[in-house]
Structures are given as C-alpha cells and as structure tokens.
Protein backbone atom coordinates (compact mmCIF):
# COMPACT_ATOMS: atom_id res chain seq x y z
CA MET A 1 -4.53 -0.84 10.76
CA LEU A 2 -2.13 2.10 10.53
CA GLN A 3 -4.95 4.62 10.72
CA GLN A 4 -7.36 3.02 13.16
CA THR A 5 -5.05 1.14 15.53
CA VAL A 6 -1.89 3.26 15.52
CA LEU A 7 -2.18 6.87 14.46
CA ASP A 8 -5.65 7.60 15.81
CA ARG A 9 -4.47 6.81 19.36
CA SER A 10 -2.93 10.28 19.49
CA TRP A 11 -5.08 13.37 20.08
CA ARG A 12 -2.60 15.31 17.96
CA VAL A 13 -3.55 13.34 14.81
CA LEU A 14 -6.68 13.67 12.68
CA ILE A 15 -7.63 10.73 10.46
CA ILE A 16 -9.45 11.59 7.24
CA GLU A 17 -11.38 8.51 6.15
CA GLU A 18 -11.08 7.36 2.55
CA HIS A 19 -14.71 8.27 1.67
CA ASP A 20 -14.52 11.74 3.26
CA ARG A 21 -15.88 14.39 0.90
CA ARG A 22 -12.89 16.60 1.60
CA LEU A 23 -10.97 14.01 -0.39
CA VAL A 24 -13.39 12.58 -2.93
CA GLY A 25 -16.00 15.30 -3.43
CA SER A 26 -19.67 14.53 -4.03
CA HIS A 27 -19.63 12.07 -6.93
CA PRO A 28 -16.24 10.35 -7.21
CA GLN A 29 -15.54 7.66 -9.79
CA PRO A 30 -14.42 5.30 -8.36
CA GLU A 31 -15.87 6.14 -4.98
CA THR A 32 -12.49 6.57 -3.30
CA ALA A 33 -10.79 8.56 -6.10
CA TRP A 34 -9.55 11.95 -4.92
CA GLN A 35 -10.63 15.21 -6.48
CA ASP A 36 -7.95 17.32 -8.12
CA TYR A 37 -5.02 17.53 -5.75
CA PRO A 38 -4.81 21.33 -5.32
CA THR A 39 -8.45 21.41 -4.17
CA VAL A 40 -8.00 18.51 -1.76
CA LEU A 41 -4.76 19.82 -0.28
CA GLN A 42 -6.20 23.29 0.18
CA ARG A 43 -8.94 21.74 2.32
CA LEU A 44 -6.54 19.60 4.31
CA HIS A 45 -4.15 22.46 4.99
CA ARG A 46 -6.99 24.34 6.69
CA VAL A 47 -7.53 21.52 9.21
CA PRO A 48 -6.26 22.70 12.65
CA PHE A 49 -4.27 19.59 13.60
CA GLU A 50 -0.53 18.99 13.88
CA VAL A 51 -0.77 15.86 11.74
CA VAL A 52 -3.50 15.10 9.21
CA VAL A 53 -3.54 11.54 7.86
CA ALA A 54 -5.31 10.53 4.66
CA LYS A 55 -5.17 7.25 2.74
CA PRO A 56 -5.08 7.73 -1.05
CA LEU A 57 -6.45 4.25 -1.65
CA VAL A 58 -6.48 4.26 -5.45
CA GLU A 59 -3.83 6.92 -6.15
CA SER A 60 -0.66 4.80 -6.09
CA ALA A 61 0.16 5.45 -9.74
CA ARG A 62 0.34 9.18 -8.98
CA ALA A 63 2.36 9.00 -5.77
CA VAL A 64 5.01 11.49 -6.86
CA GLU A 65 2.44 13.97 -8.16
CA LEU A 66 0.44 13.70 -4.92
CA MET A 67 3.47 14.11 -2.66
CA THR A 68 4.59 17.16 -4.63
CA ALA A 69 1.14 18.72 -4.30
CA ALA A 70 1.03 17.96 -0.57
CA ASP A 71 4.54 19.10 0.29
CA PRO A 72 5.61 19.21 3.09
CA VAL A 73 4.52 15.60 3.45
CA LYS A 74 5.55 12.31 5.03
CA ALA A 75 4.27 9.34 3.04
CA ILE A 76 4.13 5.65 3.90
CA TRP A 77 4.00 2.74 1.45
CA MET A 78 2.37 -0.13 3.31
CA LEU A 79 3.89 -3.47 2.37
CA ARG A 80 2.44 -6.89 3.15
CA HIS A 81 3.75 -10.22 1.88
CA TYR A 82 2.03 -11.38 -1.30
CA ASN A 83 0.91 -14.68 0.24
CA GLY A 84 -0.96 -12.85 2.97
CA VAL A 85 -2.44 -10.38 0.52
CA ALA A 86 -3.60 -13.16 -1.81
CA ARG A 87 -5.26 -15.12 1.01
CA SER A 88 -6.91 -12.00 2.38
CA SER A 89 -8.19 -10.90 -1.03
CA VAL A 90 -9.82 -14.23 -1.80
CA ASN A 91 -11.23 -14.70 1.70
CA ARG A 92 -12.69 -11.20 1.92
CA PHE A 93 -13.81 -10.44 -1.63
CA GLY A 94 -14.37 -13.89 -3.14
CA THR A 95 -12.74 -16.03 -5.78
CA GLU A 96 -13.89 -13.92 -8.76
CA ASN A 97 -12.52 -10.61 -7.50
CA PRO A 98 -8.85 -11.27 -8.40
CA TYR A 99 -9.83 -11.83 -12.02
CA ARG A 100 -11.83 -8.58 -12.03
CA ASP A 101 -8.78 -6.79 -10.67
CA LEU A 102 -6.67 -8.03 -13.59
CA GLN A 103 -9.21 -7.44 -16.36
CA PRO A 104 -8.40 -3.70 -16.84
CA PHE A 105 -4.79 -4.65 -17.63
CA CYS A 106 -6.00 -6.91 -20.43
CA ILE A 107 -7.84 -4.09 -22.20
CA ASP A 108 -5.28 -1.39 -21.32
CA ASP A 109 -7.80 0.70 -19.41
CA GLN A 110 -5.70 3.59 -18.11
CA LEU A 111 -8.76 5.19 -16.52
CA ASP A 112 -9.32 2.27 -14.17
CA TRP A 113 -7.33 2.72 -10.96
CA ARG A 114 -6.26 -0.93 -11.02
CA SER A 115 -4.27 -0.60 -14.23
CA ALA A 116 -3.50 3.13 -14.18
CA GLY A 117 0.17 3.72 -14.80
CA ALA A 118 0.89 0.12 -15.82
CA THR A 119 3.61 -0.30 -18.41
CA LYS A 120 3.25 -2.29 -21.61
CA LYS A 121 5.52 -4.98 -20.15
CA THR A 122 3.35 -5.31 -17.05
CA ARG A 123 0.20 -5.65 -19.15
CA GLU A 124 1.78 -8.22 -21.47
CA THR A 125 3.00 -10.26 -18.50
CA ILE A 126 -0.49 -10.35 -17.00
CA VAL A 127 -2.18 -11.24 -20.28
CA GLY A 128 0.31 -14.03 -20.95
CA LEU A 129 -0.08 -15.59 -17.51
CA LEU A 130 -3.87 -15.36 -17.56
CA SER A 131 -3.85 -17.29 -20.84
CA GLU A 132 -2.16 -20.17 -19.04
CA GLY A 133 -4.96 -20.43 -16.50
CA LEU A 134 -4.48 -18.98 -13.03
CA SER A 135 -6.14 -19.88 -9.75
CA PRO A 136 -7.80 -17.12 -7.70
CA LEU A 137 -4.75 -17.06 -5.41
CA ASP A 138 -2.46 -16.79 -8.45
CA ALA A 139 -4.49 -13.87 -9.80
CA ALA A 140 -4.54 -12.10 -6.43
CA ALA A 141 -0.76 -12.48 -6.04
CA LEU A 142 -0.21 -11.24 -9.59
CA PHE A 143 -2.30 -8.15 -8.84
CA TRP A 144 -0.08 -7.53 -5.78
CA TRP A 145 2.92 -7.70 -8.12
CA ALA A 146 1.38 -5.30 -10.63
CA ARG A 147 0.43 -2.70 -8.03
CA ASN A 148 3.79 -2.81 -6.29
CA GLN A 149 5.51 -2.34 -9.64
CA LEU A 150 4.42 1.26 -9.25
CA TYR A 151 6.80 1.73 -6.34
CA PHE A 152 9.81 0.88 -8.47
CA GLU A 153 8.60 2.47 -11.69
CA GLN A 154 8.18 5.81 -9.89
CA HIS A 155 11.62 5.41 -8.26
CA LEU A 156 10.10 5.89 -4.82
CA GLY A 157 13.06 4.19 -3.20
CA ARG A 158 15.06 7.34 -4.00
CA ASP A 159 12.40 9.76 -2.74
CA GLU A 160 13.08 11.12 0.75
CA ARG A 161 9.39 11.86 1.29
CA ILE A 162 8.24 8.23 1.45
CA ARG A 163 9.11 5.22 3.60
CA ILE A 164 8.01 1.60 3.69
CA LEU A 165 6.14 0.16 6.65
CA ARG A 166 5.85 -3.62 6.75
CA TYR A 167 2.55 -5.07 7.92
CA GLU A 168 3.96 -8.17 9.60
CA ARG A 169 6.55 -6.24 11.55
CA ALA A 170 3.97 -3.69 12.71
CA CYS A 171 1.82 -6.53 14.06
CA ASN A 172 4.61 -8.51 15.72
CA ARG A 173 6.97 -5.76 16.90
CA PRO A 174 4.62 -2.84 17.58
CA GLU A 175 6.71 -1.04 20.21
CA GLU A 176 9.66 -0.80 17.84
CA VAL A 177 7.51 0.31 14.93
CA VAL A 178 5.66 2.93 17.00
CA GLU A 179 8.97 4.44 18.12
CA ALA A 180 10.19 4.62 14.52
CA LEU A 181 6.87 5.98 13.30
CA SER A 182 6.90 8.65 16.04
CA ALA A 183 10.31 9.82 14.89
CA TYR A 184 9.25 9.78 11.25
CA VAL A 185 5.97 11.66 11.75
CA GLY A 186 7.45 14.05 14.27
CA ILE A 187 5.14 13.50 17.26
CA ALA A 188 5.28 11.07 20.17
CA LEU A 189 2.68 8.34 19.73
CA PRO A 190 1.41 6.49 22.85
CA LYS A 191 3.45 3.30 22.51
CA ASP A 192 1.91 1.27 25.33
CA SER A 193 -1.66 2.09 24.30
CA ILE A 194 -1.00 1.13 20.69
CA ALA A 195 0.96 -2.06 21.40
CA SER A 196 -1.86 -3.48 23.49
CA LYS A 197 -4.20 -3.22 20.50
CA MET A 198 -1.96 -5.03 18.02
CA ARG A 199 -2.57 -8.70 17.23
CA PRO A 200 0.49 -10.84 16.47
CA GLN A 201 0.46 -12.46 13.03
CA HIS A 202 1.90 -15.77 11.89
CA ASP A 203 4.62 -15.79 9.28
CA GLU A 204 2.77 -14.97 6.06
CA ARG A 205 5.79 -15.98 4.01
CA GLU A 206 4.73 -19.62 4.36
CA SER A 207 4.52 -20.98 0.83
CA LEU A 208 1.33 -21.01 -1.21
CA ASP A 209 0.88 -23.37 -4.12
CA LEU A 210 1.20 -20.60 -6.70
CA HIS A 211 1.84 -20.81 -10.41
CA PRO A 212 5.66 -21.03 -10.72
CA GLU A 213 6.03 -17.86 -12.79
CA VAL A 214 3.68 -15.87 -10.55
CA ASP A 215 5.63 -17.06 -7.52
CA ARG A 216 8.93 -16.09 -9.16
CA LEU A 217 7.75 -12.59 -10.05
CA CYS A 218 6.37 -11.95 -6.56
CA ARG A 219 9.35 -13.46 -4.77
CA GLU A 220 11.84 -11.38 -6.75
CA MET A 221 9.84 -8.23 -6.10
CA TRP A 222 9.62 -9.02 -2.39
CA ASP A 223 13.38 -9.44 -2.29
CA SER A 224 13.82 -6.15 -4.14
CA PHE A 225 12.07 -4.30 -1.32
CA ALA A 226 14.80 -5.45 1.10
CA GLY A 227 17.10 -2.59 0.13
CA CYS A 228 14.45 0.14 0.13
CA PRO A 229 14.19 2.82 2.84
CA GLU A 230 11.85 1.91 5.70
CA ILE A 231 10.64 3.98 8.64
CA TYR A 232 12.94 1.96 10.93
CA GLY A 233 15.95 1.97 8.60
CA ARG A 234 17.16 -0.40 5.92
CA MET A 235 16.92 -4.11 6.69
CA ASP A 236 17.45 -7.26 4.71
CA LEU A 237 14.24 -9.27 4.99
CA ARG A 238 15.39 -12.00 2.63
CA HIS A 239 16.94 -13.84 5.55
CA GLY A 240 14.14 -13.28 8.01
CA ALA A 241 15.66 -10.23 9.70
C-alpha cells in the first residue's frame, strides 16, 4: 500500500520492487533476501531519483545494520493491528501457513528469515504456546508478536532514522498521513491524488477469539507501540486516539 498507492504517485519517487535484481541478485535465498548491503546500496545510490524506495521484506532483524549501510536514510516500520494481520494471513495464505511461519523458531533456525534474530525467550515462548495447541489465528497473531519483537530488541524507538506508520490510520486518514509523510521524506506528495485511492478500513481492533496468553502478549506489545515515534508525532493509541 505504501509503495503502490502512496509513494509511487509522485514522479520524484522511484519504487524498487522487492524481487528487483538490484536488491536480491540472481539467485536469492529466500527469493526476497537482499544481497550484501554495500553492493545493494552502491546500486541504489546510482539511481538518478530524488527518493528511491525499497522494501526490505525479510530484513527486519538487521534493521540497524541496513540503515547504517544506507545512510542517509529515512526508514518506516509499517504497523498493523495483530487481529487484522492474523485474519489477512489466514485468508490469503491458508490455515497451515501460520504454523510454517513458527516452525523455524522451534528448531532455532537463525538462517530462516522468520526466526532470524529471535531471542531465546522468544523461541521458548513460541514453543511453549504451540505445545498447548493453537488455532491458525493464534499462530498468525503469535508470529506478528515475534516479528515485532525485533523493533524493541533493536531499540528502534530511540533511532532517529526510523518512524512508525500505522496501516489503519493511513487508510482512514490519508490526507493527514500524506502530509506527515511528505514532511518526513522531504518532498511534497500529491495529497488529493493519493487520498482518492485509499479505501477506508473498519476497526481491526475488534476482538478475535484468541488464546488468552497469545492475546495478552499481542495486546501488551500493541500498547507498547503507543509511545514510539511515528511519522505524524507521538500518539496514544490505547484509547483510540
């Protein structure tokens, strides 16, 4: 959404798709894994555009390393409510996919992007909850929790190079978000053109029937994001702001 509906509306922005060989090379494993960062950034710095946008889909565990290699850089951590992510994951990829996403944590596979960078505590939490029997929605929400742990474990809330952008707010208040994003990126994005393309979303915070411990972990993490720097300033989302 951020790439195809917002940023690509400006002729001053070039979008590099996630499978582009300038990012992943000829034979990436997995297929969206970036080549070594100095090589990738050297290619991107040669692109004659004011703003070059690339989505490091499976690189979240190396966010600090990537931002340092790319400097100067403006990074965005996209945040969507865990209920919406869980529903979307199951609907789009099927009921078995959430369990596949959690399996690398169970065997401590640090080479798999899903579990790369996960702490021992994160792995033990996942293994323990899986042993209790989780539904596909439970597993998908737990994967959301595990991946977003990386934001806090890398102390990204204290890093001036990265800001949070909330999915629901981008959909429902696009003019406001486009103005903030324009200021953050440093170019004026066409607000009216972008806003007309956005589709309002219902409140994804409506409760799912999740395993109580999974729900607690996700809810506490969601609340923790309330004090983190966002492209439109700090807001307290715990009370629906």
